[in-house]
Amino acid sequence: MKLKLHEENNVLIIEIKGKMMGGPEANDFHEALKTEIGKGFKKFILDLREVDWMNSSGLGMLIGGLTTIKNAGGELKLSSVTEKIHSLFVITKLVTIFESYDSMEKALESYR
C-alpha cells in the first residue's frame, strides 16, 4: 500500500494505492493522519480508486482513521470507492458509517 498526500482548498486528500491489509502500513497511515492533524487539518478525503483489495485489517485501518479524525474534531469522507470495496462496505454495514462519494469532485464539493 502506498500513500500520496496533497492539499486542495484546505482539504487533505490521501490517495491510497494497492492492497489495504493492515500490519506496519496501518501504523504509517495513522502516523500520517496524526501528523496532518497536528498541522491543523480538519477535513480529509481518502481516495480509494486505486485500492484493489482490502481485508478486515484494512477495514480496521479505516475505522481507526475515522475515529482519530473525529476525536480531533475533523471529518473524513471517501471518494471513488471501487465496486469490490463498496460491496465489502455493504456486507459489513460500514456503508452507514462512512460518507462516500463517486468522485473526488463530489467529495470536495461536499466540504463547501
N, C-alpha and C. Protein backbone atom coordinates (compact mmCIF):
# COMPACT_ATOMS: atom_id res chain seq x y z
N MET A 1 0.83 -1.18 0.00
CA MET A 1 0.00 0.00 0.00
C MET A 1 0.88 1.24 0.00
N LYS A 2 0.53 2.17 -0.87
CA LYS A 2 1.26 3.43 -0.94
C LYS A 2 0.30 4.58 -0.66
N LEU A 3 0.81 5.60 0.04
CA LEU A 3 0.03 6.79 0.35
C LEU A 3 0.61 7.99 -0.39
N LYS A 4 -0.26 8.82 -0.92
CA LYS A 4 0.15 10.08 -1.52
C LYS A 4 -0.77 11.15 -0.95
N LEU A 5 -0.17 12.16 -0.32
CA LEU A 5 -0.95 13.20 0.34
C LEU A 5 -0.78 14.52 -0.39
N HIS A 6 -1.89 15.23 -0.55
CA HIS A 6 -1.82 16.59 -1.07
C HIS A 6 -3.04 17.36 -0.59
N GLU A 7 -2.94 18.68 -0.64
CA GLU A 7 -3.98 19.56 -0.12
C GLU A 7 -4.67 20.29 -1.26
N GLU A 8 -5.99 20.43 -1.13
CA GLU A 8 -6.76 21.19 -2.10
C GLU A 8 -7.89 21.89 -1.35
N ASN A 9 -7.90 23.22 -1.40
CA ASN A 9 -8.94 24.02 -0.72
C ASN A 9 -9.06 23.69 0.77
N ASN A 10 -7.94 23.58 1.47
CA ASN A 10 -7.90 23.26 2.89
C ASN A 10 -8.42 21.87 3.24
N VAL A 11 -8.47 20.99 2.26
CA VAL A 11 -8.86 19.60 2.46
C VAL A 11 -7.63 18.74 2.17
N LEU A 12 -7.31 17.84 3.09
CA LEU A 12 -6.19 16.94 2.86
C LEU A 12 -6.70 15.70 2.13
N ILE A 13 -6.17 15.46 0.95
CA ILE A 13 -6.55 14.30 0.14
C ILE A 13 -5.46 13.25 0.30
N ILE A 14 -5.87 12.07 0.66
CA ILE A 14 -4.94 10.95 0.81
C ILE A 14 -5.31 9.90 -0.23
N GLU A 15 -4.44 9.74 -1.21
CA GLU A 15 -4.64 8.73 -2.23
C GLU A 15 -3.99 7.44 -1.75
N ILE A 16 -4.76 6.38 -1.77
CA ILE A 16 -4.25 5.07 -1.34
C ILE A 16 -4.20 4.17 -2.56
N LYS A 17 -3.07 3.50 -2.73
CA LYS A 17 -2.88 2.63 -3.89
C LYS A 17 -2.42 1.26 -3.41
N GLY A 18 -3.02 0.21 -3.97
CA GLY A 18 -2.58 -1.14 -3.66
C GLY A 18 -3.54 -1.89 -2.76
N LYS A 19 -2.99 -2.74 -1.92
CA LYS A 19 -3.78 -3.58 -1.03
C LYS A 19 -3.76 -3.01 0.39
N MET A 20 -4.94 -2.90 0.99
CA MET A 20 -5.05 -2.43 2.38
C MET A 20 -5.21 -3.65 3.27
N MET A 21 -4.10 -4.02 3.94
CA MET A 21 -4.11 -5.24 4.72
C MET A 21 -3.61 -5.03 6.16
N GLY A 22 -3.53 -3.80 6.61
CA GLY A 22 -3.08 -3.57 7.98
C GLY A 22 -1.59 -3.77 8.14
N GLY A 23 -1.19 -4.28 9.29
CA GLY A 23 0.23 -4.50 9.57
C GLY A 23 0.98 -3.19 9.74
N PRO A 24 2.27 -3.17 9.35
CA PRO A 24 3.08 -1.96 9.51
C PRO A 24 2.51 -0.77 8.73
N GLU A 25 1.82 -1.07 7.63
CA GLU A 25 1.23 0.01 6.83
C GLU A 25 0.15 0.75 7.61
N ALA A 26 -0.54 0.05 8.49
CA ALA A 26 -1.57 0.68 9.32
C ALA A 26 -0.93 1.73 10.21
N ASN A 27 0.25 1.41 10.76
CA ASN A 27 0.95 2.39 11.60
C ASN A 27 1.37 3.61 10.79
N ASP A 28 1.85 3.39 9.56
CA ASP A 28 2.23 4.51 8.69
C ASP A 28 1.03 5.40 8.41
N PHE A 29 -0.11 4.78 8.14
CA PHE A 29 -1.34 5.51 7.85
C PHE A 29 -1.75 6.37 9.05
N HIS A 30 -1.76 5.78 10.24
CA HIS A 30 -2.17 6.51 11.44
C HIS A 30 -1.18 7.61 11.80
N GLU A 31 0.10 7.36 11.61
CA GLU A 31 1.09 8.40 11.87
C GLU A 31 0.93 9.57 10.91
N ALA A 32 0.65 9.27 9.65
CA ALA A 32 0.41 10.33 8.66
C ALA A 32 -0.80 11.16 9.07
N LEU A 33 -1.87 10.50 9.50
CA LEU A 33 -3.06 11.24 9.95
C LEU A 33 -2.74 12.14 11.14
N LYS A 34 -2.06 11.59 12.11
CA LYS A 34 -1.72 12.37 13.31
C LYS A 34 -0.84 13.57 12.96
N THR A 35 0.10 13.37 12.06
CA THR A 35 0.98 14.46 11.63
C THR A 35 0.17 15.57 10.98
N GLU A 36 -0.73 15.20 10.09
CA GLU A 36 -1.53 16.20 9.37
C GLU A 36 -2.55 16.88 10.29
N ILE A 37 -3.10 16.15 11.23
CA ILE A 37 -3.99 16.75 12.23
C ILE A 37 -3.20 17.77 13.05
N GLY A 38 -1.96 17.41 13.38
CA GLY A 38 -1.08 18.32 14.12
C GLY A 38 -0.78 19.60 13.35
N LYS A 39 -0.84 19.53 12.02
CA LYS A 39 -0.62 20.72 11.18
C LYS A 39 -1.88 21.56 11.06
N GLY A 40 -2.99 21.07 11.64
CA GLY A 40 -4.22 21.84 11.63
C GLY A 40 -5.30 21.39 10.66
N PHE A 41 -5.05 20.30 9.94
CA PHE A 41 -6.08 19.81 9.00
C PHE A 41 -7.26 19.24 9.77
N LYS A 42 -8.47 19.57 9.32
CA LYS A 42 -9.70 19.04 9.92
C LYS A 42 -10.56 18.32 8.89
N LYS A 43 -10.28 18.55 7.60
CA LYS A 43 -11.08 17.96 6.53
C LYS A 43 -10.21 17.00 5.73
N PHE A 44 -10.67 15.75 5.65
CA PHE A 44 -9.90 14.70 4.98
C PHE A 44 -10.76 13.97 3.96
N ILE A 45 -10.14 13.58 2.85
CA ILE A 45 -10.77 12.71 1.87
C ILE A 45 -9.80 11.57 1.58
N LEU A 46 -10.29 10.35 1.67
CA LEU A 46 -9.50 9.19 1.27
C LEU A 46 -9.95 8.81 -0.13
N ASP A 47 -9.02 8.84 -1.06
CA ASP A 47 -9.28 8.46 -2.44
C ASP A 47 -8.95 6.98 -2.57
N LEU A 48 -9.98 6.15 -2.76
CA LEU A 48 -9.79 4.70 -2.78
C LEU A 48 -9.86 4.09 -4.17
N ARG A 49 -9.79 4.91 -5.21
CA ARG A 49 -9.98 4.37 -6.58
C ARG A 49 -8.89 3.38 -6.98
N GLU A 50 -7.71 3.45 -6.37
CA GLU A 50 -6.64 2.52 -6.74
C GLU A 50 -6.38 1.45 -5.68
N VAL A 51 -7.36 1.27 -4.79
CA VAL A 51 -7.28 0.16 -3.82
C VAL A 51 -7.88 -1.06 -4.48
N ASP A 52 -7.06 -2.08 -4.71
CA ASP A 52 -7.58 -3.25 -5.41
C ASP A 52 -7.98 -4.40 -4.50
N TRP A 53 -7.68 -4.28 -3.21
CA TRP A 53 -8.05 -5.34 -2.29
C TRP A 53 -7.99 -4.81 -0.87
N MET A 54 -8.92 -5.29 -0.02
CA MET A 54 -8.93 -4.86 1.37
C MET A 54 -9.41 -6.04 2.22
N ASN A 55 -8.71 -6.30 3.31
CA ASN A 55 -9.15 -7.34 4.23
C ASN A 55 -9.70 -6.70 5.50
N SER A 56 -9.99 -7.51 6.50
CA SER A 56 -10.58 -6.97 7.73
C SER A 56 -9.63 -6.01 8.44
N SER A 57 -8.34 -6.24 8.33
CA SER A 57 -7.37 -5.31 8.94
C SER A 57 -7.39 -3.97 8.21
N GLY A 58 -7.59 -4.00 6.90
CA GLY A 58 -7.73 -2.76 6.12
C GLY A 58 -8.96 -1.99 6.54
N LEU A 59 -10.06 -2.71 6.77
CA LEU A 59 -11.27 -2.07 7.27
C LEU A 59 -11.01 -1.46 8.65
N GLY A 60 -10.27 -2.18 9.46
CA GLY A 60 -9.91 -1.67 10.79
C GLY A 60 -9.09 -0.39 10.70
N MET A 61 -8.20 -0.33 9.70
CA MET A 61 -7.41 0.88 9.47
C MET A 61 -8.34 2.07 9.21
N LEU A 62 -9.33 1.86 8.34
CA LEU A 62 -10.26 2.94 8.01
C LEU A 62 -11.07 3.38 9.22
N ILE A 63 -11.54 2.42 10.00
CA ILE A 63 -12.32 2.75 11.20
C ILE A 63 -11.45 3.49 12.20
N GLY A 64 -10.21 3.03 12.38
CA GLY A 64 -9.27 3.72 13.28
C GLY A 64 -8.98 5.13 12.80
N GLY A 65 -8.82 5.30 11.49
CA GLY A 65 -8.57 6.62 10.92
C GLY A 65 -9.76 7.55 11.15
N LEU A 66 -10.96 7.03 10.94
CA LEU A 66 -12.17 7.82 11.17
C LEU A 66 -12.25 8.25 12.63
N THR A 67 -11.97 7.35 13.53
CA THR A 67 -12.01 7.65 14.97
C THR A 67 -10.98 8.71 15.33
N THR A 68 -9.76 8.56 14.84
CA THR A 68 -8.70 9.54 15.11
C THR A 68 -9.09 10.93 14.64
N ILE A 69 -9.63 11.00 13.43
CA ILE A 69 -10.01 12.29 12.85
C ILE A 69 -11.19 12.90 13.60
N LYS A 70 -12.21 12.09 13.90
CA LYS A 70 -13.38 12.61 14.63
C LYS A 70 -13.00 13.08 16.03
N ASN A 71 -12.12 12.33 16.70
CA ASN A 71 -11.68 12.72 18.05
C ASN A 71 -10.92 14.05 18.04
N ALA A 72 -10.35 14.41 16.88
CA ALA A 72 -9.63 15.68 16.74
C ALA A 72 -10.57 16.78 16.22
N GLY A 73 -11.86 16.48 16.12
CA GLY A 73 -12.83 17.47 15.66
C GLY A 73 -12.90 17.60 14.15
N GLY A 74 -12.42 16.59 13.44
CA GLY A 74 -12.38 16.65 11.98
C GLY A 74 -13.43 15.77 11.32
N GLU A 75 -13.38 15.76 10.00
CA GLU A 75 -14.30 14.96 9.18
C GLU A 75 -13.50 14.13 8.18
N LEU A 76 -14.01 12.95 7.89
CA LEU A 76 -13.40 12.07 6.90
C LEU A 76 -14.46 11.64 5.90
N LYS A 77 -14.14 11.77 4.63
CA LYS A 77 -15.03 11.33 3.56
C LYS A 77 -14.24 10.45 2.61
N LEU A 78 -14.94 9.56 1.95
CA LEU A 78 -14.31 8.65 0.99
C LEU A 78 -14.70 9.05 -0.42
N SER A 79 -13.78 8.85 -1.36
CA SER A 79 -14.12 9.11 -2.75
C SER A 79 -13.68 7.95 -3.63
N SER A 80 -14.41 7.78 -4.72
CA SER A 80 -14.05 6.82 -5.77
C SER A 80 -13.85 5.40 -5.25
N VAL A 81 -14.77 4.96 -4.41
CA VAL A 81 -14.71 3.60 -3.87
C VAL A 81 -15.06 2.63 -5.00
N THR A 82 -14.21 1.65 -5.22
CA THR A 82 -14.47 0.67 -6.28
C THR A 82 -15.66 -0.20 -5.91
N GLU A 83 -16.24 -0.84 -6.90
CA GLU A 83 -17.40 -1.71 -6.67
C GLU A 83 -17.06 -2.84 -5.70
N LYS A 84 -15.87 -3.41 -5.85
CA LYS A 84 -15.43 -4.51 -4.98
C LYS A 84 -15.37 -4.05 -3.52
N ILE A 85 -14.77 -2.89 -3.28
CA ILE A 85 -14.64 -2.37 -1.91
C ILE A 85 -16.01 -1.92 -1.39
N HIS A 86 -16.82 -1.32 -2.26
CA HIS A 86 -18.17 -0.90 -1.85
C HIS A 86 -18.99 -2.11 -1.38
N SER A 87 -18.87 -3.23 -2.07
CA SER A 87 -19.58 -4.45 -1.67
C SER A 87 -19.16 -4.89 -0.27
N LEU A 88 -17.88 -4.76 0.02
CA LEU A 88 -17.36 -5.09 1.35
C LEU A 88 -17.98 -4.17 2.40
N PHE A 89 -18.10 -2.88 2.08
CA PHE A 89 -18.72 -1.92 3.00
C PHE A 89 -20.19 -2.26 3.24
N VAL A 90 -20.89 -2.70 2.20
CA VAL A 90 -22.30 -3.07 2.34
C VAL A 90 -22.44 -4.30 3.24
N ILE A 91 -21.64 -5.31 2.98
CA ILE A 91 -21.70 -6.56 3.76
C ILE A 91 -21.43 -6.29 5.24
N THR A 92 -20.46 -5.42 5.52
CA THR A 92 -20.07 -5.15 6.91
C THR A 92 -20.88 -4.01 7.53
N LYS A 93 -21.80 -3.44 6.77
CA LYS A 93 -22.65 -2.32 7.19
C LYS A 93 -21.86 -1.03 7.45
N LEU A 94 -20.61 -0.99 7.01
CA LEU A 94 -19.81 0.23 7.15
C LEU A 94 -20.27 1.31 6.19
N VAL A 95 -21.10 0.94 5.24
CA VAL A 95 -21.66 1.92 4.30
C VAL A 95 -22.48 2.96 5.06
N THR A 96 -22.97 2.61 6.26
CA THR A 96 -23.76 3.55 7.07
C THR A 96 -22.88 4.46 7.92
N ILE A 97 -21.60 4.14 8.03
CA ILE A 97 -20.69 4.91 8.88
C ILE A 97 -19.87 5.92 8.09
N PHE A 98 -19.46 5.52 6.88
CA PHE A 98 -18.60 6.37 6.07
C PHE A 98 -19.42 7.16 5.06
N GLU A 99 -19.11 8.46 4.96
CA GLU A 99 -19.70 9.30 3.93
C GLU A 99 -18.86 9.09 2.67
N SER A 100 -19.51 8.62 1.60
CA SER A 100 -18.79 8.22 0.40
C SER A 100 -19.34 8.91 -0.83
N TYR A 101 -18.43 9.28 -1.74
CA TYR A 101 -18.80 9.98 -2.98
C TYR A 101 -18.20 9.25 -4.18
N ASP A 102 -18.92 9.34 -5.30
CA ASP A 102 -18.49 8.66 -6.53
C ASP A 102 -17.21 9.22 -7.12
N SER A 103 -16.96 10.51 -6.88
CA SER A 103 -15.78 11.15 -7.47
C SER A 103 -15.13 12.11 -6.49
N MET A 104 -13.88 12.46 -6.79
CA MET A 104 -13.16 13.42 -5.96
C MET A 104 -13.87 14.78 -6.00
N GLU A 105 -14.35 15.17 -7.17
CA GLU A 105 -15.03 16.46 -7.32
C GLU A 105 -16.24 16.54 -6.39
N LYS A 106 -17.04 15.47 -6.33
CA LYS A 106 -18.22 15.47 -5.47
C LYS A 106 -17.83 15.49 -3.99
N ALA A 107 -16.77 14.78 -3.64
CA ALA A 107 -16.29 14.77 -2.25
C ALA A 107 -15.82 16.17 -1.85
N LEU A 108 -15.07 16.82 -2.73
CA LEU A 108 -14.60 18.19 -2.44
C LEU A 108 -15.78 19.16 -2.35
N GLU A 109 -16.76 19.02 -3.24
CA GLU A 109 -17.94 19.89 -3.20
C GLU A 109 -18.68 19.76 -1.88
N SER A 110 -18.69 18.57 -1.30
CA SER A 110 -19.42 18.33 -0.05
C SER A 110 -18.85 19.15 1.11
N TYR A 111 -17.62 19.61 0.99
CA TYR A 111 -17.00 20.44 2.03
C TYR A 111 -17.29 21.92 1.85
N ARG A 112 -17.91 22.32 0.75
CA ARG A 112 -18.19 23.74 0.51
C ARG A 112 -19.45 24.18 1.20
